[in-house]
């Protein structure tokens, strides 16, 4: 054996292993922090995206709410269909302006045809349900009929408020109030949502004001 041949001692090898392990742990922690931040951001983005879809849909339909009776004869004493509470809202929504219709070659000015339907919103469990009664078939019960479909999930609360001028708010706007005051001028929608990720929980409350055009 050559006298000048050298090798690593056990102490040097242990020190090298410790340094390598520390560097590995540091790199792992940095990567984990970056991954956690990305996953938290994804959970937050998911909540915002779900709420944007739900609020846009609800706002569009509520904005087009109208007063209407089942026969579409719009006289001053017609029944009014708008049923709003603090947690549910049912109404008739119209997508387009009314047009006259011809009956037996006679233009009936008091018979108007609408592309309309009954719409309802309520929370069941952690979901917001949207009820739709097929167009042109509103009936005497504005709160029932049609089919319900899930609009958005992971909801912890759904609330509505109503105002005629924006200075004071009511938690109910039922038929009796609609008959005296007409439709509310403003409807406030408030939704509290949570992320789908159990590991990265994120809860956020969203509110928006809807100004009705069918007042």
N, C-alpha and C. Protein backbone atom coordinates (compact mmCIF):
# COMPACT_ATOMS: atom_id res chain seq x y z
N UNK A 1 0.85 -1.19 0.00
CA UNK A 1 0.00 0.00 0.00
C UNK A 1 0.88 1.23 0.00
N UNK A 2 0.47 2.24 -0.82
CA UNK A 2 1.21 3.49 -0.90
C UNK A 2 0.95 4.32 0.36
N UNK A 3 2.03 4.92 0.85
CA UNK A 3 1.89 5.68 2.09
C UNK A 3 1.10 6.97 1.90
N UNK A 4 1.11 7.55 0.65
CA UNK A 4 0.42 8.83 0.44
C UNK A 4 -1.04 8.65 -0.02
N UNK A 5 -1.55 7.43 -0.08
CA UNK A 5 -2.96 7.18 -0.48
C UNK A 5 -3.88 7.62 0.66
N UNK A 6 -4.90 8.43 0.28
CA UNK A 6 -5.83 8.94 1.30
C UNK A 6 -7.27 8.55 0.97
N UNK A 7 -8.13 8.49 1.93
CA UNK A 7 -9.55 8.21 1.76
C UNK A 7 -10.37 8.98 2.77
N UNK A 8 -11.68 8.86 2.66
CA UNK A 8 -12.57 9.56 3.59
C UNK A 8 -12.62 8.82 4.91
N UNK A 9 -12.54 9.60 5.93
CA UNK A 9 -12.70 9.00 7.25
C UNK A 9 -14.20 8.86 7.54
N UNK A 10 -14.53 8.08 8.53
CA UNK A 10 -15.93 7.89 8.90
C UNK A 10 -16.57 9.21 9.32
N UNK A 11 -15.80 10.04 10.01
CA UNK A 11 -16.33 11.34 10.46
C UNK A 11 -16.65 12.23 9.25
N UNK A 12 -15.74 12.26 8.28
CA UNK A 12 -15.97 13.08 7.09
C UNK A 12 -17.19 12.58 6.31
N UNK A 13 -17.33 11.28 6.23
CA UNK A 13 -18.49 10.71 5.51
C UNK A 13 -19.80 11.09 6.21
N UNK A 14 -19.82 11.03 7.53
CA UNK A 14 -21.02 11.38 8.28
C UNK A 14 -21.37 12.86 8.11
N UNK A 15 -20.33 13.72 8.11
CA UNK A 15 -20.57 15.15 7.92
C UNK A 15 -21.16 15.41 6.53
N UNK A 16 -20.63 14.74 5.52
CA UNK A 16 -21.14 14.90 4.15
C UNK A 16 -22.59 14.44 4.05
N UNK A 17 -22.90 13.33 4.71
CA UNK A 17 -24.28 12.83 4.68
C UNK A 17 -25.23 13.80 5.37
N UNK A 18 -24.79 14.38 6.48
CA UNK A 18 -25.64 15.34 7.20
C UNK A 18 -25.90 16.58 6.35
N UNK A 19 -24.84 17.09 5.70
CA UNK A 19 -25.00 18.27 4.84
C UNK A 19 -25.94 17.97 3.68
N UNK A 20 -25.79 16.79 3.07
CA UNK A 20 -26.66 16.40 1.96
C UNK A 20 -28.11 16.29 2.43
N UNK A 21 -28.32 15.71 3.61
CA UNK A 21 -29.68 15.57 4.14
C UNK A 21 -30.30 16.94 4.42
N UNK A 22 -29.50 17.86 4.99
CA UNK A 22 -30.02 19.20 5.27
C UNK A 22 -30.40 19.93 3.98
N UNK A 23 -29.56 19.81 2.97
CA UNK A 23 -29.88 20.44 1.68
C UNK A 23 -31.15 19.83 1.08
N UNK A 24 -31.27 18.51 1.20
CA UNK A 24 -32.47 17.85 0.68
C UNK A 24 -33.72 18.30 1.39
N UNK A 25 -33.66 18.42 2.72
CA UNK A 25 -34.81 18.89 3.50
C UNK A 25 -35.17 20.32 3.14
N UNK A 26 -34.15 21.15 2.93
CA UNK A 26 -34.43 22.54 2.57
C UNK A 26 -35.12 22.63 1.22
N UNK A 27 -34.62 21.86 0.26
CA UNK A 27 -35.25 21.84 -1.08
C UNK A 27 -36.68 21.31 -0.99
N UNK A 28 -36.89 20.27 -0.19
CA UNK A 28 -38.24 19.70 -0.03
C UNK A 28 -39.20 20.72 0.58
N UNK A 29 -38.74 21.43 1.61
CA UNK A 29 -39.60 22.42 2.27
C UNK A 29 -39.97 23.56 1.32
N UNK A 30 -39.01 24.00 0.52
CA UNK A 30 -39.30 25.05 -0.45
C UNK A 30 -40.33 24.58 -1.47
N UNK A 31 -40.14 23.35 -1.98
CA UNK A 31 -41.09 22.80 -2.96
C UNK A 31 -42.47 22.61 -2.33
N UNK A 32 -42.50 22.15 -1.07
CA UNK A 32 -43.78 21.94 -0.40
C UNK A 32 -44.51 23.26 -0.18
N UNK A 33 -43.77 24.29 0.23
CA UNK A 33 -44.40 25.59 0.42
C UNK A 33 -44.96 26.13 -0.89
N UNK A 34 -44.23 25.94 -1.97
CA UNK A 34 -44.71 26.40 -3.28
C UNK A 34 -45.95 25.62 -3.70
N UNK A 35 -45.95 24.30 -3.46
CA UNK A 35 -47.11 23.48 -3.81
C UNK A 35 -48.32 23.84 -2.96
N UNK A 36 -48.10 24.06 -1.66
CA UNK A 36 -49.21 24.46 -0.78
C UNK A 36 -49.81 25.79 -1.22
N UNK A 37 -48.95 26.74 -1.56
CA UNK A 37 -49.45 28.04 -2.01
C UNK A 37 -50.25 27.90 -3.29
N UNK A 38 -49.79 27.06 -4.20
CA UNK A 38 -50.50 26.86 -5.46
C UNK A 38 -51.86 26.21 -5.22
N UNK A 39 -51.89 25.17 -4.34
CA UNK A 39 -53.15 24.48 -4.06
C UNK A 39 -54.13 25.38 -3.32
N UNK A 40 -53.63 26.23 -2.43
CA UNK A 40 -54.50 27.19 -1.75
C UNK A 40 -55.07 28.18 -2.75
N UNK A 41 -54.22 28.63 -3.67
CA UNK A 41 -54.70 29.54 -4.71
C UNK A 41 -55.74 28.90 -5.59
N UNK A 42 -55.55 27.63 -5.92
CA UNK A 42 -56.53 26.90 -6.73
C UNK A 42 -57.86 26.78 -6.00
N UNK A 43 -57.81 26.48 -4.70
CA UNK A 43 -59.04 26.38 -3.91
C UNK A 43 -59.78 27.71 -3.87
N UNK A 44 -59.01 28.80 -3.70
CA UNK A 44 -59.62 30.13 -3.67
C UNK A 44 -60.21 30.49 -5.04
N UNK A 45 -59.49 30.17 -6.09
CA UNK A 45 -59.98 30.46 -7.44
C UNK A 45 -61.25 29.67 -7.74
N UNK A 46 -61.31 28.44 -7.26
CA UNK A 46 -62.48 27.60 -7.49
C UNK A 46 -63.72 28.21 -6.83
N UNK A 47 -63.54 28.72 -5.62
CA UNK A 47 -64.66 29.36 -4.93
C UNK A 47 -65.14 30.58 -5.71
N UNK A 48 -64.22 31.43 -6.14
CA UNK A 48 -64.58 32.62 -6.89
C UNK A 48 -65.26 32.27 -8.21
N UNK A 49 -64.77 31.26 -8.89
CA UNK A 49 -65.35 30.89 -10.18
C UNK A 49 -66.76 30.37 -10.01
N UNK A 50 -66.99 29.50 -9.01
CA UNK A 50 -68.33 28.98 -8.78
C UNK A 50 -69.30 30.10 -8.44
N UNK A 51 -68.86 31.04 -7.61
CA UNK A 51 -69.75 32.13 -7.22
C UNK A 51 -70.02 33.07 -8.38
N UNK A 52 -69.03 33.31 -9.22
CA UNK A 52 -69.25 34.18 -10.37
C UNK A 52 -70.30 33.60 -11.30
N UNK A 53 -70.24 32.30 -11.54
CA UNK A 53 -71.22 31.65 -12.40
C UNK A 53 -72.62 31.74 -11.78
N UNK A 54 -72.71 31.44 -10.48
CA UNK A 54 -74.02 31.45 -9.81
C UNK A 54 -74.60 32.86 -9.76
N UNK A 55 -73.80 33.85 -9.36
CA UNK A 55 -74.30 35.22 -9.23
C UNK A 55 -74.66 35.82 -10.58
N UNK A 56 -73.89 35.51 -11.62
CA UNK A 56 -74.23 36.03 -12.94
C UNK A 56 -75.56 35.47 -13.42
N UNK A 57 -75.78 34.18 -13.22
CA UNK A 57 -77.03 33.55 -13.65
C UNK A 57 -78.22 34.11 -12.87
N UNK A 58 -78.08 34.19 -11.56
CA UNK A 58 -79.17 34.68 -10.73
C UNK A 58 -79.46 36.15 -11.02
N UNK A 59 -78.41 36.95 -11.17
CA UNK A 59 -78.61 38.38 -11.41
C UNK A 59 -79.33 38.62 -12.72
N UNK A 60 -78.96 37.90 -13.76
CA UNK A 60 -79.60 38.09 -15.06
C UNK A 60 -81.09 37.79 -15.00
N UNK A 61 -81.45 36.71 -14.32
CA UNK A 61 -82.86 36.32 -14.27
C UNK A 61 -83.66 37.22 -13.34
N UNK A 62 -83.09 37.59 -12.19
CA UNK A 62 -83.80 38.47 -11.28
C UNK A 62 -83.98 39.85 -11.90
N UNK A 63 -82.99 40.32 -12.64
CA UNK A 63 -83.07 41.63 -13.29
C UNK A 63 -84.24 41.71 -14.26
N UNK A 64 -84.65 40.58 -14.81
CA UNK A 64 -85.74 40.54 -15.78
C UNK A 64 -87.07 40.11 -15.17
N UNK A 65 -87.20 40.22 -13.84
CA UNK A 65 -88.45 39.86 -13.18
C UNK A 65 -89.56 40.82 -13.60
N UNK A 66 -90.77 40.28 -13.76
CA UNK A 66 -91.92 41.09 -14.14
C UNK A 66 -93.12 40.70 -13.30
N UNK A 67 -94.16 41.52 -13.34
CA UNK A 67 -95.44 41.16 -12.76
C UNK A 67 -96.32 40.62 -13.88
N UNK A 68 -97.05 39.57 -13.58
CA UNK A 68 -97.80 38.88 -14.63
C UNK A 68 -98.87 38.02 -14.01
N UNK A 69 -100.01 37.92 -14.66
CA UNK A 69 -101.03 36.98 -14.21
C UNK A 69 -101.05 35.79 -15.16
N UNK A 70 -101.72 34.69 -14.78
CA UNK A 70 -101.64 33.48 -15.59
C UNK A 70 -102.17 33.63 -17.00
N UNK A 71 -103.05 34.57 -17.27
CA UNK A 71 -103.62 34.71 -18.61
C UNK A 71 -102.93 35.78 -19.43
N UNK A 72 -101.90 36.43 -18.84
CA UNK A 72 -101.13 37.47 -19.51
C UNK A 72 -101.93 38.72 -19.84
N UNK A 73 -103.08 38.92 -19.20
CA UNK A 73 -103.85 40.14 -19.43
C UNK A 73 -103.36 41.19 -18.43
N UNK A 74 -102.61 42.12 -18.92
CA UNK A 74 -101.93 43.04 -18.01
C UNK A 74 -102.78 44.24 -17.66
N UNK A 75 -103.80 44.05 -16.88
CA UNK A 75 -104.62 45.15 -16.40
C UNK A 75 -104.12 45.57 -15.01
N UNK A 76 -104.50 46.74 -14.54
CA UNK A 76 -103.97 47.22 -13.26
C UNK A 76 -104.29 46.32 -12.07
N UNK A 77 -105.37 45.54 -12.16
CA UNK A 77 -105.76 44.73 -11.02
C UNK A 77 -105.30 43.28 -11.14
N UNK A 78 -104.39 43.00 -12.05
CA UNK A 78 -103.92 41.64 -12.21
C UNK A 78 -103.18 41.15 -10.97
N UNK A 79 -103.16 39.81 -10.82
CA UNK A 79 -102.37 39.22 -9.76
C UNK A 79 -100.89 39.48 -10.02
N UNK A 80 -100.15 39.56 -8.95
CA UNK A 80 -98.73 39.86 -9.06
C UNK A 80 -97.95 38.68 -8.51
N UNK A 81 -96.94 38.26 -9.26
CA UNK A 81 -96.19 37.08 -8.86
C UNK A 81 -94.74 37.43 -8.55
N UNK A 82 -94.47 37.62 -7.26
CA UNK A 82 -93.12 37.83 -6.76
C UNK A 82 -93.16 37.41 -5.31
N UNK A 83 -92.36 36.42 -4.94
CA UNK A 83 -92.41 35.85 -3.60
C UNK A 83 -90.98 35.78 -3.07
N UNK A 84 -90.60 36.78 -2.28
CA UNK A 84 -89.23 36.83 -1.78
C UNK A 84 -89.17 36.81 -0.27
N UNK A 85 -88.35 35.93 0.27
CA UNK A 85 -88.07 35.91 1.71
C UNK A 85 -86.57 36.09 1.90
N UNK A 86 -86.12 35.96 3.12
CA UNK A 86 -84.69 36.15 3.41
C UNK A 86 -83.83 35.00 2.89
N UNK A 87 -84.45 33.84 2.61
CA UNK A 87 -83.67 32.68 2.18
C UNK A 87 -84.15 32.07 0.87
N UNK A 88 -85.30 32.50 0.36
CA UNK A 88 -85.83 31.96 -0.90
C UNK A 88 -86.35 33.10 -1.76
N UNK A 89 -86.37 32.86 -3.06
CA UNK A 89 -86.91 33.85 -3.99
C UNK A 89 -87.56 33.13 -5.16
N UNK A 90 -88.83 33.48 -5.43
CA UNK A 90 -89.59 32.93 -6.55
C UNK A 90 -90.23 34.07 -7.32
N UNK A 91 -90.16 34.01 -8.64
CA UNK A 91 -90.65 35.12 -9.45
C UNK A 91 -90.84 34.65 -10.89
N UNK A 92 -91.41 35.54 -11.71
CA UNK A 92 -91.50 35.29 -13.14
C UNK A 92 -90.47 36.15 -13.84
N UNK A 93 -89.69 35.52 -14.68
CA UNK A 93 -88.62 36.21 -15.39
C UNK A 93 -88.89 36.19 -16.88
N UNK A 94 -88.57 37.28 -17.53
CA UNK A 94 -88.78 37.39 -18.97
C UNK A 94 -87.44 37.67 -19.65
N UNK A 95 -87.23 37.01 -20.77
CA UNK A 95 -85.97 37.16 -21.48
C UNK A 95 -86.05 38.23 -22.56
N UNK A 96 -87.24 38.46 -23.11
CA UNK A 96 -87.40 39.41 -24.20
C UNK A 96 -88.63 40.27 -23.96
N UNK A 97 -88.72 41.36 -24.68
CA UNK A 97 -89.88 42.24 -24.56
C UNK A 97 -91.12 41.54 -25.10
N UNK A 98 -92.30 41.87 -24.56
CA UNK A 98 -93.53 41.23 -25.03
C UNK A 98 -93.88 41.67 -26.44
N UNK A 99 -94.54 40.78 -27.16
CA UNK A 99 -95.03 41.10 -28.50
C UNK A 99 -96.50 40.73 -28.58
N UNK A 100 -97.27 41.44 -29.41
CA UNK A 100 -98.67 41.10 -29.60
C UNK A 100 -98.80 39.81 -30.39
N UNK A 101 -99.97 39.19 -30.31
CA UNK A 101 -100.19 37.94 -31.01
C UNK A 101 -101.49 38.03 -31.81
N UNK A 102 -101.55 37.36 -32.93
CA UNK A 102 -102.75 37.36 -33.76
C UNK A 102 -103.65 36.18 -33.39
N UNK A 103 -104.89 36.46 -33.24
CA UNK A 103 -105.88 35.42 -32.99
C UNK A 103 -107.03 35.59 -33.99
N UNK A 104 -107.23 34.58 -34.85
CA UNK A 104 -108.30 34.62 -35.87
C UNK A 104 -108.21 35.89 -36.71
N UNK A 105 -107.01 36.21 -37.13
CA UNK A 105 -106.75 37.38 -38.00
C UNK A 105 -107.01 38.72 -37.31
N UNK A 106 -107.29 38.69 -36.01
CA UNK A 106 -107.48 39.93 -35.27
C UNK A 106 -106.32 40.13 -34.30
N UNK A 107 -105.77 41.31 -34.32
CA UNK A 107 -104.65 41.58 -33.43
C UNK A 107 -105.20 41.91 -32.04
N UNK A 108 -104.91 41.06 -31.08
CA UNK A 108 -105.42 41.25 -29.72
C UNK A 108 -104.39 42.03 -28.91
N UNK A 109 -104.62 43.29 -28.69
CA UNK A 109 -103.63 44.12 -28.01
C UNK A 109 -103.51 43.78 -26.53
N UNK A 110 -104.56 43.18 -25.95
CA UNK A 110 -104.48 42.85 -24.53
C UNK A 110 -103.97 41.43 -24.30
N UNK A 111 -103.68 40.69 -25.35
CA UNK A 111 -103.12 39.36 -25.21
C UNK A 111 -101.66 39.43 -25.63
N UNK A 112 -100.78 39.32 -24.68
CA UNK A 112 -99.35 39.45 -24.96
C UNK A 112 -98.64 38.13 -24.70
N UNK A 113 -97.69 37.82 -25.52
CA UNK A 113 -96.94 36.57 -25.40
C UNK A 113 -95.53 36.89 -24.93
N UNK A 114 -95.09 36.22 -23.91
CA UNK A 114 -93.76 36.46 -23.35
C UNK A 114 -92.94 35.18 -23.43
N UNK A 115 -91.67 35.34 -23.62
CA UNK A 115 -90.74 34.24 -23.43
C UNK A 115 -90.38 34.23 -21.96
N UNK A 116 -91.29 33.71 -21.13
CA UNK A 116 -91.12 33.84 -19.69
C UNK A 116 -91.27 32.48 -19.02
N UNK A 117 -90.84 32.43 -17.78
CA UNK A 117 -90.97 31.21 -17.00
C UNK A 117 -90.86 31.57 -15.52
N UNK A 118 -91.35 30.67 -14.69
CA UNK A 118 -91.20 30.84 -13.25
C UNK A 118 -89.80 30.37 -12.85
N UNK A 119 -89.17 31.16 -12.01
CA UNK A 119 -87.84 30.84 -11.52
C UNK A 119 -87.86 30.87 -10.00
N UNK A 120 -87.16 29.95 -9.38
CA UNK A 120 -87.04 29.95 -7.93
C UNK A 120 -85.65 29.57 -7.49
N UNK A 121 -85.20 30.16 -6.38
CA UNK A 121 -83.90 29.83 -5.80
C UNK A 121 -84.06 29.52 -4.33
N UNK A 122 -83.38 28.49 -3.88
CA UNK A 122 -83.33 28.17 -2.46
C UNK A 122 -82.08 27.32 -2.18
N UNK A 123 -81.71 27.28 -0.91
CA UNK A 123 -80.57 26.45 -0.52
C UNK A 123 -81.07 25.18 0.12
N UNK A 124 -80.50 24.06 -0.27
CA UNK A 124 -80.80 22.77 0.32
C UNK A 124 -79.47 22.12 0.67
N UNK A 125 -79.21 21.98 1.98
CA UNK A 125 -77.93 21.44 2.40
C UNK A 125 -76.82 22.41 2.03
N UNK A 126 -75.90 21.94 1.20
CA UNK A 126 -74.78 22.78 0.77
C UNK A 126 -74.91 23.16 -0.70
N UNK A 127 -76.11 23.12 -1.23
CA UNK A 127 -76.32 23.44 -2.64
C UNK A 127 -77.38 24.52 -2.80
N UNK A 128 -77.23 25.33 -3.85
CA UNK A 128 -78.29 26.23 -4.26
C UNK A 128 -79.05 25.54 -5.39
N UNK A 129 -80.36 25.43 -5.22
CA UNK A 129 -81.19 24.80 -6.23
C UNK A 129 -81.92 25.87 -7.03
N UNK A 130 -81.97 25.68 -8.31
CA UNK A 130 -82.69 26.58 -9.22
C UNK A 130 -83.90 25.84 -9.76
N UNK A 131 -85.08 26.40 -9.50
CA UNK A 131 -86.32 25.79 -10.00
C UNK A 131 -86.79 26.54 -11.24
N UNK A 132 -87.20 25.80 -12.24
CA UNK A 132 -87.70 26.43 -13.46
C UNK A 132 -89.01 25.77 -13.88
N UNK A 133 -90.04 26.59 -14.01
CA UNK A 133 -91.30 26.17 -14.60
C UNK A 133 -91.25 26.53 -16.08
N UNK A 134 -91.55 25.61 -16.95
CA UNK A 134 -91.38 25.83 -18.38
C UNK A 134 -92.05 27.12 -18.82
N UNK A 135 -91.48 27.74 -19.86
CA UNK A 135 -91.93 29.04 -20.30
C UNK A 135 -93.40 29.00 -20.73
N UNK A 136 -94.05 30.15 -20.52
CA UNK A 136 -95.45 30.36 -20.90
C UNK A 136 -96.43 29.51 -20.10
N UNK A 137 -96.00 28.97 -18.96
CA UNK A 137 -96.94 28.21 -18.15
C UNK A 137 -96.91 28.63 -16.68
N UNK A 138 -96.79 29.91 -16.34
CA UNK A 138 -96.90 30.28 -14.93
C UNK A 138 -98.31 29.98 -14.42
N UNK A 139 -98.40 29.51 -13.18
CA UNK A 139 -99.69 29.16 -12.62
C UNK A 139 -99.97 30.00 -11.39
N UNK A 140 -101.02 29.61 -10.66
CA UNK A 140 -101.43 30.41 -9.51
C UNK A 140 -100.49 30.26 -8.32
N UNK A 141 -99.65 29.22 -8.31
CA UNK A 141 -98.72 29.02 -7.20
C UNK A 141 -97.31 29.28 -7.69
N UNK A 142 -96.80 30.43 -7.34
CA UNK A 142 -95.51 30.85 -7.86
C UNK A 142 -94.35 30.09 -7.22
N UNK A 143 -94.59 29.39 -6.12
CA UNK A 143 -93.49 28.75 -5.38
C UNK A 143 -93.34 27.26 -5.69
N UNK A 144 -94.18 26.70 -6.54
CA UNK A 144 -94.09 25.27 -6.84
C UNK A 144 -94.16 25.05 -8.34
N UNK A 145 -93.93 23.82 -8.74
CA UNK A 145 -94.02 23.47 -10.15
C UNK A 145 -92.67 23.51 -10.83
N UNK A 146 -92.58 22.79 -11.94
CA UNK A 146 -91.33 22.74 -12.66
C UNK A 146 -90.35 21.77 -12.03
N UNK A 147 -89.11 21.88 -12.41
CA UNK A 147 -88.09 20.97 -11.91
C UNK A 147 -86.95 21.77 -11.30
N UNK A 148 -86.29 21.17 -10.33
CA UNK A 148 -85.16 21.81 -9.65
C UNK A 148 -83.85 21.15 -10.09
N UNK A 149 -82.85 21.99 -10.29
CA UNK A 149 -81.51 21.50 -10.61
C UNK A 149 -80.49 22.24 -9.76
N UNK A 150 -79.41 21.56 -9.48
CA UNK A 150 -78.36 22.16 -8.68
C UNK A 150 -77.62 23.23 -9.48
N UNK A 151 -77.56 24.43 -8.92
CA UNK A 151 -76.88 25.52 -9.58
C UNK A 151 -75.42 25.61 -9.16
N UNK A 152 -75.15 25.46 -7.88
CA UNK A 152 -73.78 25.52 -7.36
C UNK A 152 -73.75 24.78 -6.03
N UNK A 153 -72.58 24.22 -5.71
CA UNK A 153 -72.42 23.44 -4.48
C UNK A 153 -71.46 24.12 -3.52
N UNK A 154 -71.29 23.49 -2.36
CA UNK A 154 -70.40 23.96 -1.30
C UNK A 154 -70.81 25.36 -0.83
N UNK A 155 -72.10 25.49 -0.55
CA UNK A 155 -72.68 26.74 -0.07
C UNK A 155 -73.06 26.58 1.40
N UNK A 156 -72.70 27.54 2.21
CA UNK A 156 -73.08 27.49 3.63
C UNK A 156 -74.22 28.44 3.97
N UNK A 157 -74.48 29.44 3.12
CA UNK A 157 -75.62 30.32 3.37
C UNK A 157 -76.04 31.01 2.08
N UNK A 158 -77.34 31.31 2.00
CA UNK A 158 -77.91 32.06 0.88
C UNK A 158 -78.92 33.04 1.46
N UNK A 159 -78.78 34.32 1.12
CA UNK A 159 -79.68 35.32 1.68
C UNK A 159 -80.10 36.35 0.65
N UNK A 160 -81.31 36.89 0.85
CA UNK A 160 -81.84 37.93 -0.02
C UNK A 160 -82.35 39.09 0.83
N UNK A 161 -82.20 40.30 0.31
CA UNK A 161 -82.83 41.49 0.88
C UNK A 161 -83.41 42.32 -0.26
N UNK A 162 -84.41 43.14 0.09
CA UNK A 162 -85.16 43.86 -0.94
C UNK A 162 -85.30 45.33 -0.53
N UNK A 163 -85.25 46.21 -1.54
CA UNK A 163 -85.36 47.64 -1.26
C UNK A 163 -86.07 48.34 -2.41
N UNK A 164 -86.82 49.38 -2.05
CA UNK A 164 -87.50 50.18 -3.06
C UNK A 164 -86.70 51.42 -3.44
N UNK A 165 -85.72 51.79 -2.60
CA UNK A 165 -84.95 53.00 -2.89
C UNK A 165 -83.47 52.89 -2.51
N UNK A 166 -83.07 51.79 -1.92
CA UNK A 166 -81.68 51.61 -1.53
C UNK A 166 -81.33 52.17 -0.16
N UNK A 167 -82.26 52.89 0.46
CA UNK A 167 -81.97 53.48 1.78
C UNK A 167 -82.43 52.58 2.92
N UNK A 168 -83.45 51.77 2.70
CA UNK A 168 -83.93 50.83 3.71
C UNK A 168 -84.16 49.48 3.04
N UNK A 169 -84.06 48.42 3.85
CA UNK A 169 -84.10 47.07 3.30
C UNK A 169 -85.13 46.23 4.05
N UNK A 170 -85.79 45.33 3.29
CA UNK A 170 -86.74 44.39 3.86
C UNK A 170 -86.21 42.97 3.65
N UNK A 171 -86.55 42.09 4.58
CA UNK A 171 -86.17 40.68 4.45
C UNK A 171 -87.27 39.87 3.76
N UNK A 172 -88.42 40.51 3.49
CA UNK A 172 -89.50 39.86 2.76
C UNK A 172 -90.11 40.84 1.77
N UNK A 173 -90.51 40.31 0.62
CA UNK A 173 -91.21 41.12 -0.37
C UNK A 173 -92.23 40.19 -1.03
N UNK A 174 -93.37 40.06 -0.37
CA UNK A 174 -94.37 39.10 -0.79
C UNK A 174 -95.45 39.80 -1.63
N UNK A 175 -96.47 39.04 -2.01
CA UNK A 175 -97.47 39.55 -2.95
C UNK A 175 -98.16 40.81 -2.44
N UNK A 176 -98.49 40.83 -1.14
CA UNK A 176 -99.20 42.00 -0.61
C UNK A 176 -98.36 43.27 -0.76
N UNK A 177 -97.07 43.17 -0.52
CA UNK A 177 -96.21 44.35 -0.65
C UNK A 177 -96.03 44.70 -2.13
N UNK A 178 -95.96 43.68 -2.98
CA UNK A 178 -95.80 43.94 -4.41
C UNK A 178 -97.01 44.65 -4.98
N UNK A 179 -98.21 44.31 -4.46
CA UNK A 179 -99.43 44.95 -4.95
C UNK A 179 -99.46 46.43 -4.61
N UNK A 180 -98.85 46.81 -3.48
CA UNK A 180 -98.87 48.22 -3.08
C UNK A 180 -97.65 48.99 -3.58
N UNK A 181 -96.49 48.34 -3.59
CA UNK A 181 -95.24 49.03 -3.92
C UNK A 181 -94.65 48.61 -5.26
N UNK A 182 -95.24 47.60 -5.91
CA UNK A 182 -94.64 47.09 -7.13
C UNK A 182 -93.45 46.20 -6.82
N UNK A 183 -92.69 45.87 -7.83
CA UNK A 183 -91.50 45.06 -7.62
C UNK A 183 -90.45 45.86 -6.85
N UNK A 184 -89.59 45.18 -6.10
CA UNK A 184 -88.50 45.92 -5.46
C UNK A 184 -87.58 46.51 -6.52
N UNK A 185 -87.02 47.64 -6.22
CA UNK A 185 -86.09 48.25 -7.15
C UNK A 185 -84.74 47.55 -7.13
N UNK A 186 -84.36 47.08 -5.93
CA UNK A 186 -83.06 46.43 -5.77
C UNK A 186 -83.24 45.14 -4.99
N UNK A 187 -82.57 44.09 -5.44
CA UNK A 187 -82.49 42.83 -4.70
C UNK A 187 -81.02 42.57 -4.40
N UNK A 188 -80.73 42.36 -3.12
CA UNK A 188 -79.37 42.01 -2.72
C UNK A 188 -79.27 40.50 -2.57
N UNK A 189 -78.27 39.91 -3.21
CA UNK A 189 -77.99 38.48 -3.07
C UNK A 189 -76.71 38.33 -2.26
N UNK A 190 -76.76 37.49 -1.24
CA UNK A 190 -75.58 37.23 -0.41
C UNK A 190 -75.37 35.72 -0.31
N UNK A 191 -74.19 35.27 -0.70
CA UNK A 191 -73.86 33.84 -0.69
C UNK A 191 -72.54 33.63 0.03
N UNK A 192 -72.52 32.67 0.95
CA UNK A 192 -71.28 32.25 1.58
C UNK A 192 -70.91 30.88 1.05
N UNK A 193 -69.69 30.78 0.51
CA UNK A 193 -69.25 29.53 -0.11
C UNK A 193 -67.96 29.06 0.54
N UNK A 194 -67.73 27.77 0.43
CA UNK A 194 -66.50 27.19 0.93
C UNK A 194 -65.83 26.38 -0.17
N UNK A 195 -64.52 26.23 -0.09
CA UNK A 195 -63.79 25.49 -1.11
C UNK A 195 -64.09 24.00 -1.01
N UNK A 196 -63.87 23.29 -2.10
CA UNK A 196 -64.10 21.86 -2.12
C UNK A 196 -62.97 21.10 -1.46
N UNK A 197 -61.85 21.75 -1.24
CA UNK A 197 -60.68 21.10 -0.65
C UNK A 197 -60.79 21.06 0.86
N UNK A 198 -60.80 19.84 1.42
CA UNK A 198 -60.83 19.71 2.87
C UNK A 198 -59.48 20.05 3.49
N UNK A 199 -58.42 19.88 2.73
CA UNK A 199 -57.07 20.16 3.23
C UNK A 199 -56.81 21.65 3.28
N UNK A 200 -57.37 22.36 2.32
CA UNK A 200 -57.16 23.81 2.25
C UNK A 200 -58.52 24.52 2.29
N UNK A 201 -59.16 24.55 3.44
CA UNK A 201 -60.48 25.19 3.54
C UNK A 201 -60.40 26.68 3.29
N UNK A 202 -61.38 27.19 2.60
CA UNK A 202 -61.44 28.62 2.34
C UNK A 202 -62.91 29.03 2.25
N UNK A 203 -63.32 29.94 3.09
CA UNK A 203 -64.71 30.40 3.11
C UNK A 203 -64.76 31.87 2.75
N UNK A 204 -65.72 32.22 1.91
CA UNK A 204 -65.83 33.60 1.43
C UNK A 204 -67.29 33.95 1.23
N UNK A 205 -67.67 35.17 1.62
CA UNK A 205 -69.03 35.66 1.41
C UNK A 205 -69.04 36.64 0.24
N UNK A 206 -69.97 36.42 -0.67
CA UNK A 206 -70.10 37.27 -1.86
C UNK A 206 -71.47 37.95 -1.83
N UNK A 207 -71.50 39.21 -2.17
CA UNK A 207 -72.76 39.95 -2.23
C UNK A 207 -72.81 40.77 -3.51
N UNK A 208 -74.01 40.93 -4.03
CA UNK A 208 -74.19 41.78 -5.20
C UNK A 208 -75.58 42.38 -5.17
N UNK A 209 -75.72 43.54 -5.80
CA UNK A 209 -77.01 44.21 -5.92
C UNK A 209 -77.53 44.04 -7.35
N UNK A 210 -78.80 43.68 -7.44
CA UNK A 210 -79.45 43.50 -8.74
C UNK A 210 -80.53 44.57 -8.88
N UNK A 211 -80.44 45.39 -9.91
CA UNK A 211 -81.43 46.43 -10.16
C UNK A 211 -82.43 45.91 -11.17
N UNK A 212 -83.70 45.82 -10.75
CA UNK A 212 -84.72 45.22 -11.59
C UNK A 212 -85.16 46.15 -12.70
N UNK A 213 -85.33 45.57 -13.88
CA UNK A 213 -85.75 46.38 -15.04
C UNK A 213 -87.24 46.30 -15.29
N UNK A 214 -87.92 45.35 -14.62
CA UNK A 214 -89.36 45.19 -14.88
C UNK A 214 -90.23 45.88 -13.86
N UNK A 215 -89.70 46.89 -13.19
CA UNK A 215 -90.43 47.61 -12.13
C UNK A 215 -91.55 48.45 -12.72
